[in-house]
């Protein structure tokens, strides 16, 4: 059997479209008749994992010796960590403007976009996700990117 068809990591390198949902309603966000969303790499992507390792190493190097991990982190800290993780996964912004300019994948633009919605603890703690209502934009990206079904289609069409 040709196992190249089982290469989910390579399939995760092909960004797929995530149609962003309104956090309060769970309804898809539209710009007229055009969907607003992001092209997202899968979490299994080798390139994404390499970037994630770079970020982790930089944090470890910057940490002072003897610091313990804060087990009672503020929600804002969790929110910022989700923004950082989700930002590594975005390849392109689609039909999203920041004022009069298109939103880009720059760190500043992605931080702005993901900071428009705040982490939902209810969604974060739920064992089974019940739709998209409540999920922040960063949570939507992370959930989408972690679902291999979103990338198995890319593998077959690539």
C-alpha atoms as a PDB file:
ATOM      1  CA  UNK A   1       0.000   0.000   0.000  1.00  0.00           C
ATOM      2  CA  UNK A   2       1.247   3.480  -0.875  1.00  0.00           C
ATOM      3  CA  UNK A   3       1.416   5.262   2.479  1.00  0.00           C
ATOM      4  CA  UNK A   4       1.935   8.705   0.923  1.00  0.00           C
ATOM      5  CA  UNK A   5      -1.872   8.921   1.008  1.00  0.00           C
ATOM      6  CA  UNK A   6      -1.634   8.828   4.819  1.00  0.00           C
ATOM      7  CA  UNK A   7       0.639  11.891   5.036  1.00  0.00           C
ATOM      8  CA  UNK A   8      -1.506  14.187   7.181  1.00  0.00           C
ATOM      9  CA  UNK A   9       1.502  16.380   7.984  1.00  0.00           C
ATOM     10  CA  UNK A  10       2.048  17.329   4.334  1.00  0.00           C
ATOM     11  CA  UNK A  11      -1.701  17.876   3.884  1.00  0.00           C
ATOM     12  CA  UNK A  12      -1.586  20.285   6.846  1.00  0.00           C
ATOM     13  CA  UNK A  13       0.897  22.434   4.900  1.00  0.00           C
ATOM     14  CA  UNK A  14      -1.876  23.402   2.468  1.00  0.00           C
ATOM     15  CA  UNK A  15      -3.904  26.233   4.057  1.00  0.00           C
ATOM     16  CA  UNK A  16      -7.670  25.755   4.125  1.00  0.00           C
ATOM     17  CA  UNK A  17     -10.428  28.348   4.433  1.00  0.00           C
ATOM     18  CA  UNK A  18     -11.963  28.946   7.855  1.00  0.00           C
ATOM     19  CA  UNK A  19     -15.163  30.974   7.670  1.00  0.00           C
ATOM     20  CA  UNK A  20     -15.070  33.059  10.864  1.00  0.00           C
ATOM     21  CA  UNK A  21     -18.176  33.015  13.054  1.00  0.00           C
ATOM     22  CA  UNK A  22     -19.697  35.732  15.234  1.00  0.00           C
ATOM     23  CA  UNK A  23     -18.737  34.916  18.823  1.00  0.00           C
ATOM     24  CA  UNK A  24     -22.127  35.897  20.260  1.00  0.00           C
ATOM     25  CA  UNK A  25     -24.331  34.100  17.739  1.00  0.00           C
ATOM     26  CA  UNK A  26     -22.158  31.475  16.055  1.00  0.00           C
ATOM     27  CA  UNK A  27     -23.365  32.767  12.676  1.00  0.00           C
ATOM     28  CA  UNK A  28     -20.899  33.029   9.760  1.00  0.00           C
ATOM     29  CA  UNK A  29     -19.537  36.564   9.217  1.00  0.00           C
ATOM     30  CA  UNK A  30     -20.175  37.955   5.749  1.00  0.00           C
ATOM     31  CA  UNK A  31     -19.125  41.041   3.794  1.00  0.00           C
ATOM     32  CA  UNK A  32     -22.216  41.340   1.650  1.00  0.00           C
ATOM     33  CA  UNK A  33     -22.243  38.022  -0.197  1.00  0.00           C
ATOM     34  CA  UNK A  34     -18.569  37.286   0.479  1.00  0.00           C
ATOM     35  CA  UNK A  35     -17.465  35.159   3.445  1.00  0.00           C
ATOM     36  CA  UNK A  36     -14.935  36.629   5.870  1.00  0.00           C
ATOM     37  CA  UNK A  37     -12.286  34.276   7.106  1.00  0.00           C
ATOM     38  CA  UNK A  38      -8.742  33.046   7.189  1.00  0.00           C
ATOM     39  CA  UNK A  39      -6.606  30.611   5.258  1.00  0.00           C
ATOM     40  CA  UNK A  40      -5.245  28.350   7.988  1.00  0.00           C
ATOM     41  CA  UNK A  41      -2.449  25.779   8.129  1.00  0.00           C
ATOM     42  CA  UNK A  42      -3.111  22.586  10.069  1.00  0.00           C
ATOM     43  CA  UNK A  43      -1.502  22.075  13.459  1.00  0.00           C
ATOM     44  CA  UNK A  44       0.382  19.033  12.142  1.00  0.00           C
ATOM     45  CA  UNK A  45       2.255  21.180   9.611  1.00  0.00           C
ATOM     46  CA  UNK A  46       5.999  20.722   9.966  1.00  0.00           C
ATOM     47  CA  UNK A  47       6.538  24.433   9.255  1.00  0.00           C
ATOM     48  CA  UNK A  48       4.019  25.468  11.919  1.00  0.00           C
ATOM     49  CA  UNK A  49       5.603  23.123  14.447  1.00  0.00           C
ATOM     50  CA  UNK A  50       9.064  24.507  13.654  1.00  0.00           C
ATOM     51  CA  UNK A  51       7.813  28.080  14.251  1.00  0.00           C
ATOM     52  CA  UNK A  52       6.130  26.946  17.466  1.00  0.00           C
ATOM     53  CA  UNK A  53       9.390  25.410  18.692  1.00  0.00           C
ATOM     54  CA  UNK A  54      11.236  28.667  17.948  1.00  0.00           C
ATOM     55  CA  UNK A  55       8.717  30.611  20.036  1.00  0.00           C
ATOM     56  CA  UNK A  56       8.969  28.095  22.895  1.00  0.00           C
ATOM     57  CA  UNK A  57      12.771  28.185  22.871  1.00  0.00           C
ATOM     58  CA  UNK A  58      12.782  31.988  22.904  1.00  0.00           C
ATOM     59  CA  UNK A  59      10.421  32.020  25.890  1.00  0.00           C
ATOM     60  CA  UNK A  60      12.557  29.503  27.769  1.00  0.00           C
ATOM     61  CA  UNK A  61      15.709  31.485  27.057  1.00  0.00           C
ATOM     62  CA  UNK A  62      14.067  34.700  28.252  1.00  0.00           C
ATOM     63  CA  UNK A  63      12.695  33.144  31.436  1.00  0.00           C
ATOM     64  CA  UNK A  64      14.719  33.779  34.544  1.00  0.00           C
ATOM     65  CA  UNK A  65      16.136  30.802  36.438  1.00  0.00           C
ATOM     66  CA  UNK A  66      13.978  29.413  39.189  1.00  0.00           C
ATOM     67  CA  UNK A  67      10.704  30.914  37.953  1.00  0.00           C
ATOM     68  CA  UNK A  68       7.798  28.587  38.487  1.00  0.00           C
ATOM     69  CA  UNK A  69       4.986  28.347  35.992  1.00  0.00           C
ATOM     70  CA  UNK A  70       2.041  30.387  37.229  1.00  0.00           C
ATOM     71  CA  UNK A  71      -0.686  27.808  37.751  1.00  0.00           C
ATOM     72  CA  UNK A  72      -3.260  30.501  38.446  1.00  0.00           C
ATOM     73  CA  UNK A  73      -2.856  32.408  35.230  1.00  0.00           C
ATOM     74  CA  UNK A  74      -5.121  35.336  34.527  1.00  0.00           C
ATOM     75  CA  UNK A  75      -7.633  34.936  31.722  1.00  0.00           C
ATOM     76  CA  UNK A  76      -5.802  37.704  29.861  1.00  0.00           C
ATOM     77  CA  UNK A  77      -2.632  35.573  29.860  1.00  0.00           C
ATOM     78  CA  UNK A  78      -4.523  32.582  28.442  1.00  0.00           C
ATOM     79  CA  UNK A  79      -6.103  34.876  25.845  1.00  0.00           C
ATOM     80  CA  UNK A  80      -2.701  36.223  24.776  1.00  0.00           C
ATOM     81  CA  UNK A  81      -1.260  32.697  24.526  1.00  0.00           C
ATOM     82  CA  UNK A  82      -4.163  31.663  22.283  1.00  0.00           C
ATOM     83  CA  UNK A  83      -3.556  34.721  20.082  1.00  0.00           C
ATOM     84  CA  UNK A  84       0.122  33.832  19.781  1.00  0.00           C
ATOM     85  CA  UNK A  85      -0.638  30.202  18.881  1.00  0.00           C
ATOM     86  CA  UNK A  86      -3.404  31.042  16.409  1.00  0.00           C
ATOM     87  CA  UNK A  87      -1.225  33.648  14.691  1.00  0.00           C
ATOM     88  CA  UNK A  88       1.310  30.958  13.754  1.00  0.00           C
ATOM     89  CA  UNK A  89      -1.385  29.147  11.778  1.00  0.00           C
ATOM     90  CA  UNK A  90      -2.676  31.967   9.555  1.00  0.00           C
ATOM     91  CA  UNK A  91      -1.528  32.103   5.944  1.00  0.00           C
ATOM     92  CA  UNK A  92      -3.931  34.787   4.660  1.00  0.00           C
ATOM     93  CA  UNK A  93      -6.829  37.022   5.712  1.00  0.00           C
ATOM     94  CA  UNK A  94      -9.849  36.937   3.387  1.00  0.00           C
ATOM     95  CA  UNK A  95     -12.337  39.856   3.193  1.00  0.00           C
ATOM     96  CA  UNK A  96     -11.166  41.303   6.512  1.00  0.00           C
ATOM     97  CA  UNK A  97     -10.340  44.994   6.729  1.00  0.00           C
ATOM     98  CA  UNK A  98      -8.713  46.943   9.532  1.00  0.00           C
ATOM     99  CA  UNK A  99     -10.300  50.321   8.990  1.00  0.00           C
ATOM    100  CA  UNK A 100      -9.683  51.224   5.346  1.00  0.00           C
ATOM    101  CA  UNK A 101      -6.823  48.756   4.858  1.00  0.00           C
ATOM    102  CA  UNK A 102      -6.923  44.999   4.276  1.00  0.00           C
ATOM    103  CA  UNK A 103      -5.896  42.937   7.281  1.00  0.00           C
ATOM    104  CA  UNK A 104      -2.551  41.235   6.682  1.00  0.00           C
ATOM    105  CA  UNK A 105      -0.750  38.383   8.383  1.00  0.00           C
ATOM    106  CA  UNK A 106       1.605  40.764  10.157  1.00  0.00           C
ATOM    107  CA  UNK A 107       1.939  40.166  13.874  1.00  0.00           C
ATOM    108  CA  UNK A 108       0.267  43.522  14.598  1.00  0.00           C
ATOM    109  CA  UNK A 109      -2.731  42.849  12.339  1.00  0.00           C
ATOM    110  CA  UNK A 110      -3.295  39.318  13.610  1.00  0.00           C
ATOM    111  CA  UNK A 111      -3.004  40.454  17.228  1.00  0.00           C
ATOM    112  CA  UNK A 112      -5.565  43.186  16.483  1.00  0.00           C
ATOM    113  CA  UNK A 113      -7.937  40.700  14.798  1.00  0.00           C
ATOM    114  CA  UNK A 114      -7.718  38.046  17.494  1.00  0.00           C
ATOM    115  CA  UNK A 115      -7.993  40.609  20.277  1.00  0.00           C
ATOM    116  CA  UNK A 116     -11.401  41.725  18.961  1.00  0.00           C
ATOM    117  CA  UNK A 117     -12.916  38.707  20.723  1.00  0.00           C
ATOM    118  CA  UNK A 118     -11.959  37.350  24.133  1.00  0.00           C
ATOM    119  CA  UNK A 119     -11.322  33.748  25.113  1.00  0.00           C
ATOM    120  CA  UNK A 120     -14.442  31.839  26.112  1.00  0.00           C
ATOM    121  CA  UNK A 121     -13.728  29.738  29.177  1.00  0.00           C
ATOM    122  CA  UNK A 122     -16.956  27.811  28.645  1.00  0.00           C
ATOM    123  CA  UNK A 123     -15.804  26.863  25.135  1.00  0.00           C
ATOM    124  CA  UNK A 124     -12.246  26.224  26.314  1.00  0.00           C
ATOM    125  CA  UNK A 125     -13.367  23.834  29.055  1.00  0.00           C
ATOM    126  CA  UNK A 126     -16.065  21.983  27.092  1.00  0.00           C
ATOM    127  CA  UNK A 127     -15.055  18.429  26.291  1.00  0.00           C
ATOM    128  CA  UNK A 128     -17.291  18.419  23.234  1.00  0.00           C
ATOM    129  CA  UNK A 129     -17.703  21.613  21.265  1.00  0.00           C
ATOM    130  CA  UNK A 130     -21.297  22.622  20.626  1.00  0.00           C
ATOM    131  CA  UNK A 131     -21.099  24.666  17.444  1.00  0.00           C
ATOM    132  CA  UNK A 132     -19.128  27.879  17.154  1.00  0.00           C
ATOM    133  CA  UNK A 133     -21.141  30.136  19.488  1.00  0.00           C
ATOM    134  CA  UNK A 134     -18.865  31.509  22.187  1.00  0.00           C
ATOM    135  CA  UNK A 135     -15.543  30.643  20.559  1.00  0.00           C
ATOM    136  CA  UNK A 136     -13.188  33.594  20.105  1.00  0.00           C
ATOM    137  CA  UNK A 137     -11.551  34.046  16.702  1.00  0.00           C
ATOM    138  CA  UNK A 138      -8.311  32.547  18.051  1.00  0.00           C
ATOM    139  CA  UNK A 139     -10.207  29.558  19.464  1.00  0.00           C
ATOM    140  CA  UNK A 140     -11.927  29.072  16.098  1.00  0.00           C
ATOM    141  CA  UNK A 141      -8.561  28.988  14.317  1.00  0.00           C
ATOM    142  CA  UNK A 142      -7.065  26.512  16.768  1.00  0.00           C
ATOM    143  CA  UNK A 143     -10.099  24.211  16.660  1.00  0.00           C
ATOM    144  CA  UNK A 144     -10.226  24.323  12.846  1.00  0.00           C
ATOM    145  CA  UNK A 145      -6.481  23.743  12.464  1.00  0.00           C
ATOM    146  CA  UNK A 146      -6.581  20.748  14.785  1.00  0.00           C
ATOM    147  CA  UNK A 147      -9.342  18.989  12.839  1.00  0.00           C
ATOM    148  CA  UNK A 148      -7.585  16.693  10.355  1.00  0.00           C
ATOM    149  CA  UNK A 149     -10.782  16.381   8.346  1.00  0.00           C
ATOM    150  CA  UNK A 150     -10.264  19.956   7.165  1.00  0.00           C
ATOM    151  CA  UNK A 151      -6.953  18.946   5.585  1.00  0.00           C
ATOM    152  CA  UNK A 152      -7.628  15.463   4.269  1.00  0.00           C
ATOM    153  CA  UNK A 153      -9.564  17.076   1.379  1.00  0.00           C
ATOM    154  CA  UNK A 154      -6.515  19.193   0.514  1.00  0.00           C
ATOM    155  CA  UNK A 155      -4.346  16.095   0.374  1.00  0.00           C
ATOM    156  CA  UNK A 156      -6.582  14.458  -2.245  1.00  0.00           C
ATOM    157  CA  UNK A 157      -6.911  17.560  -4.391  1.00  0.00           C
ATOM    158  CA  UNK A 158      -3.217  18.516  -4.200  1.00  0.00           C
END
